[in-house]
Amino acid sequence: MPEILWALIGLVIGVALGFVVTRFVMNSAAKNAIDNADRMVKDAEKQAETLRREALVEAKDAAYQIKTEADRETNERRKEIKSLENRLMQREESLDRRVESLDQREHQLSSQAGQVEKKDHDLTIALRQASQDLERIAGMNSNQAREELLNSLRDDVTRESATIIREAEQQTRAEADKKSREILSLAIQRVAADHAAEHTVSSVSIPSDDIKGRLIGREGRNIRTFEQITGINLIIDDTPETVVISSFDPVRREIGRITLENLITDGRIHPARIEEMFNKATELVNQQVQEAGDQAAFDTGIHDLHPELVKTLGRLRFRTSYGQNVLNHSLEVAYLAGVMASELGLDPTPAKRAGLLHDLGKAIDHDIEGSHAVIGADLARRFGENPEIVHAIEAHHADVEPATVLAVLIQAADAISAARPGARRESIESYIKRLEKLESIANAHKGVERTYAMQAGREIRVMVEPERISDADSVVLAHDIARQIEDEMEYPGQIKVLVIRESRSVDFAK
């Protein structure tokens, strides 16, 4: 019995101790779990704070970049708006000047119209009074009186028309001279170009006259082969140490010149060698043509030309007109047109493009019949140029009537480039023909006694019969001759028409 009791007591004590130990272990594990949980929470909070700070920094960086980009776009927009405002202000000023000019002209025309109406009324009254006086005093009938009055009024009308012409010319010059001089002088000052002599032949120096025989070859086979392959004429005459090649095609003439020089340098002159040298020269000149066209387009800032137009433009490097290199002339016209367009508040890019291409037809006018302006316009149209550019090319020599401001600008720039001092020369034959044409135009008018073309055709002096031409008639005659010269002739610059009327009375005392 006591053993059982002690066993129970021991069991109870073991259970109690087990419970206590178990409780202690559980409390310790719970405490450790709580500590781990607190530590994890703190770590999570630290990590969350770190992430929050990183996200805040990234957000600030993104916001700063967005603000910077927005500021840049805003500044660009402001610059564009400022540029547009400046252009609008320039156009407004230009329009204001034009409106003022038109108002002045309208006022002048209305004033002149009033004067003409008043004079017409006065003439009607004078005509009626004169008719009555003539019938009453001279006993004339109405037909005779009308004829007499018409003869009398013809002189008055001539004097009035001369006065009106003189006043109109003075007013037009006063309004247009100042602005046109400013624009033209600015354009000329900002552009300069070289010029070269016009020719259809090229001289090639040879070491000795013995080369001439080798160039001709046995029974002329070398010279025949050369002319057949190159398509040019080789002229061998008595000129010492010189031979001449002739062709209207400047590119073909250049190829022939290089071929001939290479043959002379090489010394082996026979048909096979001629063909080989011709092929090399053709390749070289084609390369020069392409480079010249590319350089011209680059110099004017035009980079979207069709390759065929660039190549055709490069051919103008070897073409001259009145002693002026046509490619240099085209560049000069492009620069002049661009400057004048800018001064007028217009976009200079189309003006430069039309100026560069305006003489394009001269590169191929020896192969195609017709005016070089029409040929060039057709070529530009075929390769997709803007119709406005095509029209400016076609109208720059008045083959068609200019219908746009751009066409008029190209006409003006072309005339300036051709007329500037030192730009052009002309052959003695064309010079004489131009002087003869000037004198024949003036001599065709009634009352002209003699004419003299002076100052290299820049002035025509017209001597009239004083008994047939009055002072008022001389003003009208000068105007008519000047208009006829403008319509029938082509010339650089301007021609002064001077009408001279002189009366002399001579008597002798005996």
Protein backbone atom coordinates (compact mmCIF):
# COMPACT_ATOMS: atom_id res chain seq x y z
CA MET A 1 0.00 0.00 0.00
CA PRO A 2 2.62 2.52 0.84
CA GLU A 3 4.48 1.64 -2.43
CA ILE A 4 1.43 2.36 -4.45
CA LEU A 5 0.99 5.66 -2.65
CA TRP A 6 4.54 6.64 -3.32
CA ALA A 7 4.15 5.63 -6.91
CA LEU A 8 1.11 7.86 -7.25
CA ILE A 9 2.88 10.70 -5.54
CA GLY A 10 5.84 10.25 -7.88
CA LEU A 11 3.53 10.13 -10.87
CA VAL A 12 1.82 13.32 -9.75
CA ILE A 13 5.14 14.99 -9.15
CA GLY A 14 6.41 13.82 -12.61
CA VAL A 15 3.29 15.06 -14.29
CA ALA A 16 3.61 18.37 -12.46
CA LEU A 17 7.24 18.67 -13.36
CA GLY A 18 6.50 17.70 -16.96
CA PHE A 19 3.77 20.32 -17.12
CA VAL A 20 6.06 22.92 -15.61
CA VAL A 21 8.88 22.02 -17.99
CA THR A 22 6.53 21.92 -20.93
CA ARG A 23 5.08 25.30 -19.94
CA PHE A 24 8.54 26.74 -19.59
CA VAL A 25 9.60 25.40 -22.95
CA MET A 26 6.43 26.74 -24.59
CA ASN A 27 6.84 30.12 -22.97
CA SER A 28 10.45 30.26 -24.13
CA ALA A 29 9.48 29.25 -27.69
CA ALA A 30 6.67 31.81 -27.74
CA LYS A 31 9.02 34.50 -26.51
CA ASN A 32 11.53 33.55 -29.19
CA ALA A 33 8.78 33.60 -31.81
CA ILE A 34 7.64 37.00 -30.62
CA ASP A 35 11.20 38.30 -30.71
CA ASN A 36 11.69 36.88 -34.22
CA ALA A 37 8.41 38.39 -35.32
CA ASP A 38 9.38 41.78 -33.87
CA ARG A 39 12.75 41.55 -35.61
CA MET A 40 11.13 40.61 -38.94
CA VAL A 41 8.65 43.47 -38.59
CA LYS A 42 11.46 45.92 -37.90
CA ASP A 43 13.46 44.55 -40.86
CA ALA A 44 10.37 44.83 -43.07
CA GLU A 45 9.80 48.37 -41.89
CA LYS A 46 13.44 49.28 -42.64
CA GLN A 47 13.24 47.66 -46.07
CA ALA A 48 9.93 49.40 -46.78
CA GLU A 49 11.46 52.73 -45.75
CA THR A 50 14.45 52.09 -48.02
CA LEU A 51 12.18 51.20 -50.92
CA ARG A 52 10.06 54.25 -50.25
CA ARG A 53 13.11 56.51 -50.29
CA GLU A 54 14.43 54.93 -53.49
CA ALA A 55 11.02 55.28 -55.13
CA LEU A 56 10.87 58.91 -54.00
CA VAL A 57 14.32 59.61 -55.48
CA GLU A 58 13.41 57.93 -58.76
CA ALA A 59 10.14 59.83 -58.87
CA LYS A 60 12.00 63.11 -58.30
CA ASP A 61 14.50 62.25 -61.06
CA ALA A 62 11.70 61.39 -63.47
CA ALA A 63 9.86 64.57 -62.58
CA TYR A 64 13.04 66.59 -63.11
CA GLN A 65 13.63 65.00 -66.52
CA ILE A 66 10.03 65.61 -67.53
CA LYS A 67 10.32 69.24 -66.39
CA THR A 68 13.61 69.66 -68.27
CA GLU A 69 12.12 68.19 -71.46
CA ALA A 70 9.03 70.34 -71.07
CA ASP A 71 11.20 73.46 -70.60
CA ARG A 72 13.24 72.57 -73.70
CA GLU A 73 10.12 72.03 -75.82
CA THR A 74 8.66 75.25 -74.43
CA ASN A 75 11.80 77.18 -75.38
CA GLU A 76 11.78 75.68 -78.87
CA ARG A 77 8.13 76.55 -79.28
CA ARG A 78 8.83 80.07 -78.07
CA LYS A 79 11.66 80.41 -80.59
CA GLU A 80 9.41 79.12 -83.39
CA ILE A 81 6.63 81.46 -82.34
CA LYS A 82 9.13 84.36 -82.16
CA SER A 83 10.41 83.51 -85.64
CA LEU A 84 6.87 83.32 -86.98
CA GLU A 85 6.05 86.63 -85.30
CA ASN A 86 9.11 88.25 -86.90
CA ARG A 87 8.16 86.91 -90.33
CA LEU A 88 4.58 88.06 -89.86
CA MET A 89 5.80 91.50 -88.79
CA GLN A 90 8.04 91.68 -91.85
CA ARG A 91 5.18 90.68 -94.12
CA GLU A 92 2.88 93.15 -92.42
CA GLU A 93 5.45 95.90 -92.93
CA SER A 94 5.84 94.87 -96.57
CA LEU A 95 2.07 94.84 -97.03
CA ASP A 96 1.79 98.22 -95.31
CA ARG A 97 4.40 99.66 -97.66
CA ARG A 98 2.59 98.20 -100.65
CA VAL A 99 -0.76 99.50 -99.42
CA GLU A 100 0.74 102.97 -98.94
CA SER A 101 2.25 102.83 -102.41
CA LEU A 102 -1.06 101.70 -103.90
CA ASP A 103 -2.91 104.45 -102.01
CA GLN A 104 -0.49 107.03 -103.35
CA ARG A 105 -0.86 105.71 -106.88
CA GLU A 106 -4.63 105.62 -106.55
CA HIS A 107 -4.61 109.18 -105.29
CA GLN A 108 -2.35 110.27 -108.14
CA LEU A 109 -4.47 108.42 -110.69
CA SER A 110 -7.67 109.94 -109.31
CA SER A 111 -6.04 113.36 -109.39
CA GLN A 112 -4.88 112.80 -112.97
CA ALA A 113 -8.32 111.48 -113.91
CA GLY A 114 -9.88 114.66 -112.52
CA GLN A 115 -7.41 116.77 -114.45
CA VAL A 116 -8.04 114.83 -117.64
CA GLU A 117 -11.81 115.13 -117.18
CA LYS A 118 -11.51 118.87 -116.59
CA LYS A 119 -9.25 119.29 -119.62
CA ASP A 120 -11.61 117.20 -121.70
CA HIS A 121 -14.47 119.46 -120.65
CA ASP A 122 -12.42 122.55 -121.43
CA LEU A 123 -11.45 121.11 -124.82
CA THR A 124 -15.11 120.38 -125.61
CA ILE A 125 -16.05 123.97 -124.83
CA ALA A 126 -13.08 125.30 -126.81
CA LEU A 127 -13.97 123.04 -129.72
CA ARG A 128 -17.56 124.30 -129.79
CA GLN A 129 -16.45 127.92 -129.54
CA ALA A 130 -13.77 127.50 -132.17
CA SER A 131 -16.24 125.83 -134.52
CA GLN A 132 -18.63 128.72 -134.17
CA ASP A 133 -15.84 131.25 -134.66
CA LEU A 134 -14.46 129.51 -137.74
CA GLU A 135 -17.87 129.20 -139.38
CA ARG A 136 -18.71 132.79 -138.57
CA ILE A 137 -15.40 134.40 -139.48
CA ALA A 138 -13.95 132.24 -142.22
CA GLY A 139 -17.20 131.14 -143.78
CA MET A 140 -16.14 127.47 -143.51
CA ASN A 141 -18.60 124.64 -143.47
CA SER A 142 -18.70 122.16 -140.59
CA ASN A 143 -16.43 119.56 -142.28
CA GLN A 144 -13.76 122.13 -143.08
CA ALA A 145 -13.96 123.54 -139.56
CA ARG A 146 -13.72 120.03 -138.04
CA GLU A 147 -10.59 119.27 -140.06
CA GLU A 148 -8.97 122.53 -139.04
CA LEU A 149 -9.81 121.97 -135.39
CA LEU A 150 -8.48 118.40 -135.44
CA ASN A 151 -5.18 119.62 -136.86
CA SER A 152 -5.00 122.26 -134.20
CA LEU A 153 -5.94 119.88 -131.39
CA ARG A 154 -3.49 117.21 -132.53
CA ASP A 155 -0.58 119.38 -131.42
CA ASP A 156 -2.29 120.09 -128.08
CA VAL A 157 -2.99 116.39 -127.46
CA THR A 158 0.61 115.53 -128.36
CA ARG A 159 1.88 118.07 -125.86
CA GLU A 160 -0.50 116.77 -123.21
CA SER A 161 0.49 113.13 -123.83
CA ALA A 162 4.16 114.06 -123.64
CA THR A 163 3.53 115.82 -120.33
CA ILE A 164 1.59 112.85 -118.96
CA ILE A 165 4.35 110.42 -120.06
CA ARG A 166 7.01 112.57 -118.44
CA GLU A 167 5.05 112.96 -115.19
CA ALA A 168 4.21 109.24 -115.04
CA GLU A 169 7.82 108.25 -115.61
CA GLN A 170 9.05 110.65 -112.94
CA GLN A 171 6.47 109.47 -110.40
CA THR A 172 7.18 105.80 -111.12
CA ARG A 173 10.92 106.32 -110.79
CA ALA A 174 10.48 108.29 -107.57
CA GLU A 175 8.47 105.46 -106.01
CA ALA A 176 10.35 102.45 -107.36
CA ASP A 177 13.95 103.61 -107.61
CA LYS A 178 14.68 103.84 -103.91
CA LYS A 179 13.45 100.36 -102.95
CA SER A 180 14.67 98.63 -106.09
CA ARG A 181 18.12 100.20 -105.77
CA GLU A 182 18.37 99.03 -102.16
CA ILE A 183 17.40 95.45 -103.00
CA LEU A 184 19.50 95.21 -106.16
CA SER A 185 22.58 96.84 -104.64
CA LEU A 186 22.38 94.57 -101.63
CA ALA A 187 22.03 91.51 -103.85
CA ILE A 188 24.92 92.53 -106.11
CA GLN A 189 27.21 93.37 -103.17
CA ARG A 190 26.62 89.99 -101.58
CA VAL A 191 27.26 87.97 -104.76
CA ALA A 192 30.38 87.73 -106.87
CA ALA A 193 31.24 85.27 -109.65
CA ASP A 194 34.04 84.61 -112.09
CA HIS A 195 33.67 84.64 -115.86
CA ALA A 196 35.44 82.82 -118.67
CA ALA A 197 35.82 83.41 -122.37
CA GLU A 198 33.22 81.95 -124.69
CA HIS A 199 34.53 79.61 -127.34
CA THR A 200 33.57 76.71 -129.55
CA VAL A 201 37.16 75.71 -130.28
CA SER A 202 40.08 74.65 -128.11
CA SER A 203 43.76 74.95 -128.97
CA VAL A 204 46.14 72.17 -127.99
CA SER A 205 49.89 72.79 -127.89
CA ILE A 206 52.17 70.13 -129.34
CA PRO A 207 55.91 69.66 -128.72
CA SER A 208 56.83 69.97 -132.38
CA ASP A 209 55.23 70.11 -135.80
CA ASP A 210 56.35 66.52 -136.44
CA ILE A 211 53.42 65.40 -134.25
CA LYS A 212 51.00 66.78 -136.85
CA GLY A 213 51.99 64.13 -139.36
CA ARG A 214 51.56 61.38 -136.78
CA LEU A 215 48.15 62.78 -135.81
CA ILE A 216 47.08 62.62 -139.45
CA GLY A 217 48.48 59.11 -139.87
CA ARG A 218 49.00 57.08 -143.00
CA GLU A 219 46.42 58.19 -145.58
CA GLY A 220 44.67 60.11 -142.80
CA ARG A 221 43.53 57.06 -140.81
CA ASN A 222 44.45 58.51 -137.39
CA ILE A 223 42.62 61.80 -137.85
CA ARG A 224 39.57 60.03 -139.33
CA THR A 225 39.48 57.60 -136.39
CA PHE A 226 39.86 60.46 -133.91
CA GLU A 227 36.99 62.44 -135.45
CA GLN A 228 34.71 59.42 -135.74
CA ILE A 229 35.25 58.30 -132.13
CA THR A 230 35.14 61.72 -130.45
CA GLY A 231 32.57 63.36 -132.74
CA ILE A 232 34.60 66.57 -133.03
CA ASN A 233 36.62 68.21 -135.77
CA LEU A 234 40.43 68.16 -135.55
CA ILE A 235 41.92 71.11 -137.46
CA ILE A 236 45.61 70.79 -138.38
CA ASP A 237 46.94 73.83 -140.28
CA ASP A 238 50.14 75.85 -140.58
CA THR A 239 49.92 77.33 -137.08
CA PRO A 240 53.24 76.43 -135.44
CA GLU A 241 53.12 73.86 -132.63
CA THR A 242 49.35 74.10 -132.30
CA VAL A 243 46.33 72.06 -133.41
CA VAL A 244 42.68 73.04 -132.95
CA ILE A 245 39.64 70.96 -132.02
CA SER A 246 36.16 72.29 -132.75
CA SER A 247 32.68 71.28 -131.53
CA PHE A 248 29.49 72.98 -130.41
CA ASP A 249 29.09 70.39 -127.64
CA PRO A 250 31.35 71.68 -124.81
CA VAL A 251 31.49 68.36 -122.96
CA ARG A 252 32.41 66.46 -126.10
CA ARG A 253 35.03 69.12 -126.92
CA GLU A 254 36.56 68.72 -123.44
CA ILE A 255 36.69 64.94 -123.84
CA GLY A 256 38.39 65.39 -127.22
CA ARG A 257 40.92 67.84 -125.77
CA ILE A 258 41.90 65.49 -122.95
CA THR A 259 42.09 62.56 -125.39
CA LEU A 260 44.36 64.50 -127.72
CA GLU A 261 46.64 65.72 -124.91
CA ASN A 262 46.96 62.20 -123.50
CA LEU A 263 47.79 60.82 -126.97
CA ILE A 264 50.49 63.44 -127.49
CA THR A 265 51.96 62.76 -124.03
CA ASP A 266 51.87 59.00 -124.54
CA GLY A 267 53.39 59.21 -128.03
CA ARG A 268 51.65 56.07 -129.34
CA ILE A 269 49.12 57.35 -131.87
CA HIS A 270 47.11 54.70 -133.66
CA PRO A 271 43.38 53.81 -133.87
CA ALA A 272 43.35 51.33 -130.97
CA ARG A 273 45.21 53.74 -128.70
CA ILE A 274 42.87 56.59 -129.70
CA GLU A 275 39.85 54.56 -128.62
CA GLU A 276 41.50 53.61 -125.32
CA MET A 277 42.43 57.21 -124.50
CA PHE A 278 38.92 58.37 -125.49
CA ASN A 279 37.32 55.93 -123.03
CA LYS A 280 39.60 57.12 -120.22
CA ALA A 281 38.90 60.78 -121.02
CA THR A 282 35.14 60.10 -121.13
CA GLU A 283 35.25 58.51 -117.69
CA LEU A 284 37.29 61.43 -116.30
CA VAL A 285 35.00 64.12 -117.73
CA ASN A 286 31.85 62.30 -116.56
CA GLN A 287 33.34 62.22 -113.08
CA GLN A 288 34.08 65.96 -113.29
CA VAL A 289 30.51 66.61 -114.48
CA GLN A 290 29.06 64.69 -111.52
CA GLU A 291 31.35 66.46 -109.04
CA ALA A 292 30.48 69.88 -110.48
CA GLY A 293 26.73 69.17 -110.20
CA ASP A 294 27.05 67.86 -106.64
CA GLN A 295 29.16 70.85 -105.60
CA ALA A 296 26.67 73.33 -107.11
CA ALA A 297 23.77 71.68 -105.28
CA PHE A 298 25.79 71.66 -102.04
CA ASP A 299 26.81 75.32 -102.37
CA THR A 300 23.17 76.42 -102.75
CA GLY A 301 21.87 74.10 -100.02
CA ILE A 302 19.64 72.07 -102.34
CA HIS A 303 19.99 68.38 -101.52
CA ASP A 304 16.94 66.69 -103.05
CA LEU A 305 17.57 67.20 -106.77
CA HIS A 306 17.00 64.26 -109.09
CA PRO A 307 20.34 62.61 -110.01
CA GLU A 308 19.76 63.30 -113.71
CA LEU A 309 19.20 66.99 -113.00
CA VAL A 310 22.43 67.07 -110.96
CA LYS A 311 24.32 65.45 -113.82
CA THR A 312 22.83 67.83 -116.40
CA LEU A 313 23.64 70.76 -114.13
CA GLY A 314 27.27 69.61 -113.96
CA ARG A 315 27.54 69.71 -117.76
CA LEU A 316 27.12 73.49 -117.56
CA ARG A 317 30.65 73.67 -116.12
CA PHE A 318 31.95 73.35 -119.69
CA ARG A 319 29.38 75.71 -121.26
CA THR A 320 29.84 79.46 -121.71
CA SER A 321 27.46 82.14 -122.95
CA TYR A 322 28.70 85.57 -124.06
CA GLY A 323 31.95 84.83 -122.27
CA GLN A 324 30.22 83.90 -119.00
CA ASN A 325 30.52 80.40 -117.53
CA VAL A 326 26.95 79.11 -117.37
CA LEU A 327 27.36 77.07 -114.16
CA ASN A 328 28.89 80.06 -112.35
CA HIS A 329 26.13 82.22 -113.81
CA SER A 330 23.48 79.77 -112.50
CA LEU A 331 25.02 79.86 -109.02
CA GLU A 332 25.11 83.65 -109.14
CA VAL A 333 21.45 83.83 -110.20
CA ALA A 334 20.54 81.43 -107.35
CA TYR A 335 22.30 83.62 -104.79
CA LEU A 336 20.83 86.85 -106.19
CA ALA A 337 17.29 85.43 -106.27
CA GLY A 338 17.67 84.13 -102.71
CA VAL A 339 18.85 87.51 -101.42
CA MET A 340 16.06 89.41 -103.18
CA ALA A 341 13.43 86.92 -101.97
CA SER A 342 14.65 87.36 -98.39
CA GLU A 343 14.51 91.13 -98.73
CA LEU A 344 10.90 90.86 -99.94
CA GLY A 345 9.94 88.60 -97.04
CA LEU A 346 9.65 85.46 -99.18
CA ASP A 347 11.10 81.98 -98.72
CA PRO A 348 14.58 82.05 -100.35
CA THR A 349 14.80 78.27 -100.90
CA PRO A 350 12.48 78.04 -103.96
CA ALA A 351 14.16 81.14 -105.40
CA LYS A 352 17.61 79.54 -105.07
CA ARG A 353 16.32 76.30 -106.60
CA ALA A 354 14.75 78.03 -109.61
CA GLY A 355 17.83 80.22 -110.06
CA LEU A 356 20.15 77.22 -110.03
CA LEU A 357 18.05 75.34 -112.61
CA HIS A 358 16.97 78.25 -114.83
CA ASP A 359 19.63 77.64 -117.56
CA LEU A 360 19.42 73.84 -117.36
CA GLY A 361 18.40 73.66 -121.03
CA LYS A 362 21.73 75.09 -122.19
CA ALA A 363 23.38 71.79 -121.27
CA ILE A 364 21.40 69.94 -123.97
CA ASP A 365 20.18 72.65 -126.38
CA HIS A 366 22.71 71.50 -129.01
CA ASP A 367 20.89 68.15 -129.12
CA ILE A 368 17.27 69.37 -128.89
CA GLU A 369 15.64 72.10 -130.97
CA GLY A 370 13.95 75.00 -129.27
CA SER A 371 14.57 77.70 -126.68
CA HIS A 372 16.82 76.65 -123.82
CA ALA A 373 14.22 77.97 -121.35
CA VAL A 374 11.51 75.68 -122.75
CA ILE A 375 13.95 72.74 -123.00
CA GLY A 376 15.04 73.23 -119.39
CA ALA A 377 11.44 73.53 -118.17
CA ASP A 378 10.48 70.29 -119.95
CA LEU A 379 13.48 68.52 -118.41
CA ALA A 380 12.66 69.78 -114.91
CA ARG A 381 9.00 68.79 -115.34
CA ARG A 382 10.01 65.30 -116.47
CA PHE A 383 12.03 64.74 -113.30
CA GLY A 384 9.33 65.86 -110.88
CA GLU A 385 10.16 69.50 -110.12
CA ASN A 386 7.47 71.70 -108.57
CA PRO A 387 5.24 73.43 -111.19
CA GLU A 388 6.19 76.82 -109.72
CA ILE A 389 9.88 76.07 -110.33
CA VAL A 390 9.12 74.80 -113.85
CA HIS A 391 7.18 77.98 -114.66
CA ALA A 392 10.03 80.20 -113.40
CA ILE A 393 12.50 78.31 -115.64
CA GLU A 394 10.20 78.58 -118.66
CA ALA A 395 9.43 82.27 -118.16
CA HIS A 396 12.91 83.64 -117.42
CA HIS A 397 13.33 84.76 -121.06
CA ALA A 398 9.62 85.59 -121.56
CA ASP A 399 8.95 82.49 -123.68
CA VAL A 400 5.80 82.45 -121.57
CA GLU A 401 4.36 85.35 -119.60
CA PRO A 402 5.59 85.30 -115.96
CA ALA A 403 2.64 84.61 -113.67
CA THR A 404 4.32 84.40 -110.23
CA VAL A 405 6.57 86.56 -108.09
CA LEU A 406 9.20 83.81 -108.26
CA ALA A 407 9.28 83.96 -112.07
CA VAL A 408 9.80 87.74 -111.98
CA LEU A 409 12.59 87.34 -109.40
CA ILE A 410 14.41 84.85 -111.64
CA GLN A 411 14.07 87.22 -114.61
CA ALA A 412 15.54 90.07 -112.54
CA ALA A 413 18.37 87.96 -111.09
CA ASP A 414 19.25 86.63 -114.56
CA ALA A 415 19.37 90.17 -115.97
CA ILE A 416 21.54 91.40 -113.06
CA SER A 417 24.00 88.55 -113.44
CA ALA A 418 24.27 89.15 -117.18
CA ALA A 419 24.51 92.93 -116.94
CA ARG A 420 26.97 93.39 -114.09
CA PRO A 421 30.35 94.86 -115.14
CA GLY A 422 32.75 92.26 -116.49
CA ALA A 423 30.17 89.49 -116.62
CA ARG A 424 29.82 89.02 -120.35
CA ARG A 425 31.53 89.59 -123.64
CA GLU A 426 30.09 89.29 -127.10
CA SER A 427 31.65 88.58 -130.46
CA ILE A 428 32.28 91.39 -132.93
CA GLU A 429 29.62 89.99 -135.28
CA SER A 430 26.84 90.03 -132.67
CA TYR A 431 28.02 93.44 -131.45
CA ILE A 432 27.75 94.95 -134.93
CA LYS A 433 24.36 93.32 -135.49
CA ARG A 434 23.08 94.77 -132.24
CA LEU A 435 24.20 98.28 -133.17
CA GLU A 436 22.67 97.97 -136.63
CA LYS A 437 19.39 96.76 -135.12
CA LEU A 438 19.32 99.73 -132.75
CA GLU A 439 19.83 102.21 -135.59
CA SER A 440 17.28 100.49 -137.85
CA ILE A 441 14.60 100.64 -135.13
CA ALA A 442 15.15 104.37 -134.65
CA ASN A 443 15.38 105.13 -138.39
CA ALA A 444 12.01 103.46 -139.01
CA HIS A 445 10.16 106.31 -137.24
CA LYS A 446 8.92 109.32 -139.15
CA GLY A 447 10.83 112.55 -138.80
CA VAL A 448 14.14 110.84 -137.91
CA GLU A 449 17.06 112.30 -139.83
CA ARG A 450 20.11 110.38 -138.50
CA THR A 451 20.86 107.93 -135.69
CA TYR A 452 24.08 107.07 -133.88
CA ALA A 453 24.59 104.05 -131.61
CA MET A 454 27.15 105.03 -128.97
CA GLN A 455 28.89 103.74 -125.83
CA ALA A 456 29.03 100.13 -127.01
CA GLY A 457 25.33 100.11 -127.72
CA ARG A 458 24.32 101.50 -124.33
CA GLU A 459 23.01 104.71 -125.89
CA ILE A 460 21.23 105.60 -129.12
CA ARG A 461 21.17 109.25 -130.22
CA VAL A 462 18.40 110.20 -132.62
CA MET A 463 18.63 113.39 -134.67
CA VAL A 464 15.18 114.53 -135.85
CA GLU A 465 13.95 117.05 -138.42
CA PRO A 466 12.90 120.10 -136.38
CA GLU A 467 10.23 121.21 -138.85
CA ARG A 468 8.46 117.83 -138.56
CA ILE A 469 9.07 116.95 -134.88
CA SER A 470 8.18 119.37 -132.12
CA ASP A 471 9.55 119.33 -128.59
CA ALA A 472 6.48 117.45 -127.38
CA ASP A 473 6.77 115.01 -130.29
CA SER A 474 10.39 114.28 -129.32
CA VAL A 475 9.29 113.07 -125.88
CA VAL A 476 6.73 110.71 -127.41
CA LEU A 477 9.27 109.55 -130.02
CA ALA A 478 11.88 108.69 -127.35
CA HIS A 479 9.25 106.72 -125.44
CA ASP A 480 8.10 104.83 -128.56
CA ILE A 481 11.66 103.93 -129.60
CA ALA A 482 12.50 102.70 -126.09
CA ARG A 483 9.39 100.48 -125.96
CA GLN A 484 10.15 99.04 -129.41
CA ILE A 485 13.73 98.23 -128.37
CA GLU A 486 12.41 96.44 -125.28
CA ASP A 487 9.98 94.38 -127.38
CA GLU A 488 12.27 93.44 -130.27
CA MET A 489 15.79 93.12 -128.82
CA GLU A 490 17.66 91.18 -126.17
CA TYR A 491 20.46 93.03 -124.38
CA PRO A 492 22.05 93.26 -120.94
CA GLY A 493 21.46 96.29 -118.75
CA GLN A 494 19.65 99.30 -120.22
CA ILE A 495 19.85 101.42 -123.37
CA LYS A 496 19.48 105.19 -123.21
CA VAL A 497 17.40 106.76 -125.99
CA LEU A 498 18.33 110.43 -126.58
CA VAL A 499 16.27 112.41 -129.10
CA ILE A 500 17.95 115.65 -130.25
CA ARG A 501 15.96 118.42 -131.96
CA GLU A 502 17.87 121.45 -133.17
CA SER A 503 16.70 124.46 -135.19
CA ARG A 504 19.15 126.84 -136.86
CA SER A 505 18.36 130.01 -138.76
CA VAL A 506 21.12 131.41 -141.01
CA ASP A 507 21.21 134.63 -142.97
CA PHE A 508 23.91 136.85 -144.48
CA ALA A 509 24.31 140.60 -144.35
CA LYS A 510 25.63 142.03 -147.61
